[in-house]
Amino acid sequence: MGKSKIAVRGLTTAGCCARQRRLVAELQTLEIDAVLITDRRHVYYFSGFWSATHHAPAMLIAADGMVQIVLPEDAQAPPLAADVVHYYQAQKQGTLIEDQQGASLRELGKSLQAVGRLGFDLPSIPDRKSVV
C-alpha cells in the first residue's frame, strides 16, 4: 500500500474523544500545558488515524482540550478526533524525505513555542528549537 491510510477497524471517533478527555484531565491534574504524541500507535489510539511505518504523524493535546494532529500530505484520513489538522510534506518528487519526524513537528512549531510544560511520549526528547 503506497498510501498513508491503512484500513484498521476498532476505534471510533467517540472513543478517541473519550480517551482524550481522560488525558486532558490528567494534564490538568499534573499542571502540564500540553502533551506531544508521536508514536504512531498512540496517535491512532487518541485520533483514529493509522499511518504507515515510514510516516511520522504527531498530535498536540493541550490542557484546555484543543487537539491538533499532523499527517503526511497524502493522507486520506477517516473522520478524526482532532480540532485542527495540519499536513507535512512527506516526500519530494516521489522520494520520501529523510526527516519525517522533523517535518511533522515543524507544522506544530508555533503551537509548541507557546507551551510551557510539555509532556511527551517520545523515546527521546526533541530539541524544540530545532522544529520551530
Protein backbone atom coordinates (compact mmCIF):
# COMPACT_ATOMS: atom_id res chain seq x y z
CA MET A 1 0.00 0.00 0.00
CA GLY A 2 1.53 3.30 -1.03
CA LYS A 3 -0.95 5.47 0.84
CA SER A 4 -0.79 6.54 4.46
CA LYS A 5 -4.28 5.30 5.19
CA ILE A 6 -4.50 1.66 6.14
CA ALA A 7 -7.87 0.11 6.87
CA VAL A 8 -7.81 -0.68 10.57
CA ARG A 9 -11.06 -1.27 12.39
CA GLY A 10 -11.93 -0.95 16.00
CA LEU A 11 -11.61 2.66 17.11
CA THR A 12 -14.42 5.15 16.94
CA THR A 13 -14.20 8.93 16.98
CA ALA A 14 -16.31 8.95 20.15
CA GLY A 15 -13.94 6.51 21.84
CA CYS A 16 -10.90 8.59 20.82
CA CYS A 17 -12.56 11.73 22.21
CA ALA A 18 -13.26 9.94 25.49
CA ARG A 19 -9.59 8.90 25.76
CA GLN A 20 -8.54 12.48 25.01
CA ARG A 21 -10.80 13.80 27.77
CA ARG A 22 -9.21 11.42 30.28
CA LEU A 23 -5.75 12.53 29.16
CA VAL A 24 -6.72 16.22 29.42
CA ALA A 25 -7.94 15.63 32.98
CA GLU A 26 -4.53 14.12 33.84
CA LEU A 27 -2.72 17.05 32.20
CA GLN A 28 -4.73 19.46 34.33
CA THR A 29 -4.07 17.44 37.50
CA LEU A 30 -0.33 17.37 36.77
CA GLU A 31 -0.28 21.03 35.66
CA ILE A 32 1.15 20.14 32.26
CA ASP A 33 0.20 22.58 29.48
CA ALA A 34 0.16 20.06 26.64
CA VAL A 35 1.36 16.64 25.56
CA LEU A 36 3.15 15.86 22.31
CA ILE A 37 2.31 12.42 20.93
CA THR A 38 4.45 10.99 18.14
CA ASP A 39 4.29 7.21 18.47
CA ARG A 40 2.00 6.25 15.58
CA ARG A 41 0.23 3.69 17.78
CA HIS A 42 -0.58 6.39 20.32
CA VAL A 43 -1.67 8.78 17.56
CA TYR A 44 -4.06 6.06 16.41
CA TYR A 45 -5.31 5.46 19.97
CA PHE A 46 -6.12 9.14 20.51
CA SER A 47 -7.23 10.15 16.98
CA GLY A 48 -8.28 7.14 14.93
CA PHE A 49 -5.59 7.76 12.28
CA TRP A 50 -3.33 4.80 11.45
CA SER A 51 -0.21 5.56 9.42
CA ALA A 52 2.37 3.61 7.51
CA THR A 53 5.56 2.90 9.47
CA HIS A 54 7.63 5.28 7.34
CA HIS A 55 5.46 8.31 8.18
CA ALA A 56 5.55 10.40 11.35
CA PRO A 57 2.13 11.65 12.40
CA ALA A 58 2.02 13.77 15.54
CA MET A 59 -0.56 15.14 17.91
CA LEU A 60 -0.52 18.03 20.34
CA ILE A 61 -3.19 17.80 23.01
CA ALA A 62 -3.47 20.88 25.20
CA ALA A 63 -4.70 21.01 28.78
CA ASP A 64 -7.60 23.19 27.59
CA GLY A 65 -8.75 20.31 25.35
CA MET A 66 -7.53 21.68 22.00
CA VAL A 67 -6.31 18.81 19.81
CA GLN A 68 -4.06 19.28 16.79
CA ILE A 69 -2.87 16.48 14.53
CA VAL A 70 -0.20 16.46 11.83
CA LEU A 71 -0.49 13.98 8.96
CA PRO A 72 1.59 13.28 5.86
CA GLU A 73 0.35 15.35 2.94
CA ASP A 74 -1.09 12.40 1.03
CA ALA A 75 -3.08 11.05 3.98
CA GLN A 76 -6.66 10.16 3.30
CA ALA A 77 -7.83 10.07 6.86
CA PRO A 78 -11.17 8.84 8.13
CA PRO A 79 -13.07 11.18 10.46
CA LEU A 80 -10.56 12.15 13.12
CA ALA A 81 -10.83 13.14 16.74
CA ALA A 82 -8.99 16.46 16.25
CA ASP A 83 -9.86 20.15 16.20
CA VAL A 84 -7.13 21.16 13.74
CA VAL A 85 -5.48 19.03 11.05
CA HIS A 86 -2.08 20.04 9.65
CA TYR A 87 -0.19 18.31 6.84
CA TYR A 88 3.56 17.96 6.34
CA GLN A 89 5.48 17.28 3.14
CA ALA A 90 6.44 13.63 3.43
CA GLN A 91 8.04 13.28 0.00
CA LYS A 92 9.66 15.28 -2.76
CA GLN A 93 9.34 14.12 -6.34
CA GLY A 94 8.22 10.67 -5.26
CA THR A 95 11.04 10.13 -2.76
CA LEU A 96 10.41 10.12 0.98
CA ILE A 97 12.18 12.90 2.85
CA GLU A 98 14.67 11.63 5.42
CA ASP A 99 13.48 13.56 8.47
CA GLN A 100 9.80 12.64 8.64
CA GLN A 101 9.53 13.49 12.34
CA GLY A 102 11.22 16.87 11.93
CA ALA A 103 8.92 17.79 9.04
CA SER A 104 5.90 16.74 11.07
CA LEU A 105 6.93 18.62 14.21
CA ARG A 106 7.70 21.82 12.28
CA GLU A 107 3.99 22.04 11.49
CA LEU A 108 3.39 22.43 15.22
CA GLY A 109 6.20 24.98 15.63
CA LYS A 110 4.17 27.99 16.75
CA SER A 111 1.97 25.91 19.00
CA LEU A 112 4.99 24.25 20.61
CA GLN A 113 6.57 27.66 21.25
CA ALA A 114 3.52 28.66 23.27
CA VAL A 115 3.67 25.60 25.54
CA GLY A 116 5.26 25.97 28.95
CA ARG A 117 5.30 22.49 30.49
CA LEU A 118 5.26 19.84 27.78
CA GLY A 119 4.64 16.15 28.25
CA PHE A 120 5.61 13.68 25.54
CA ASP A 121 5.65 10.04 24.52
CA LEU A 122 8.88 10.19 22.55
CA PRO A 123 11.69 7.71 23.03
CA SER A 124 13.93 10.79 23.12
CA ILE A 125 13.28 14.44 23.76
CA PRO A 126 13.44 16.61 20.62
CA ASP A 127 15.08 19.99 20.81
CA ARG A 128 12.04 22.26 20.40
CA LYS A 129 14.24 24.97 18.93
CA SER A 130 15.10 22.71 16.01
CA VAL A 131 11.47 22.27 15.00
CA VAL A 132 10.27 25.86 15.26
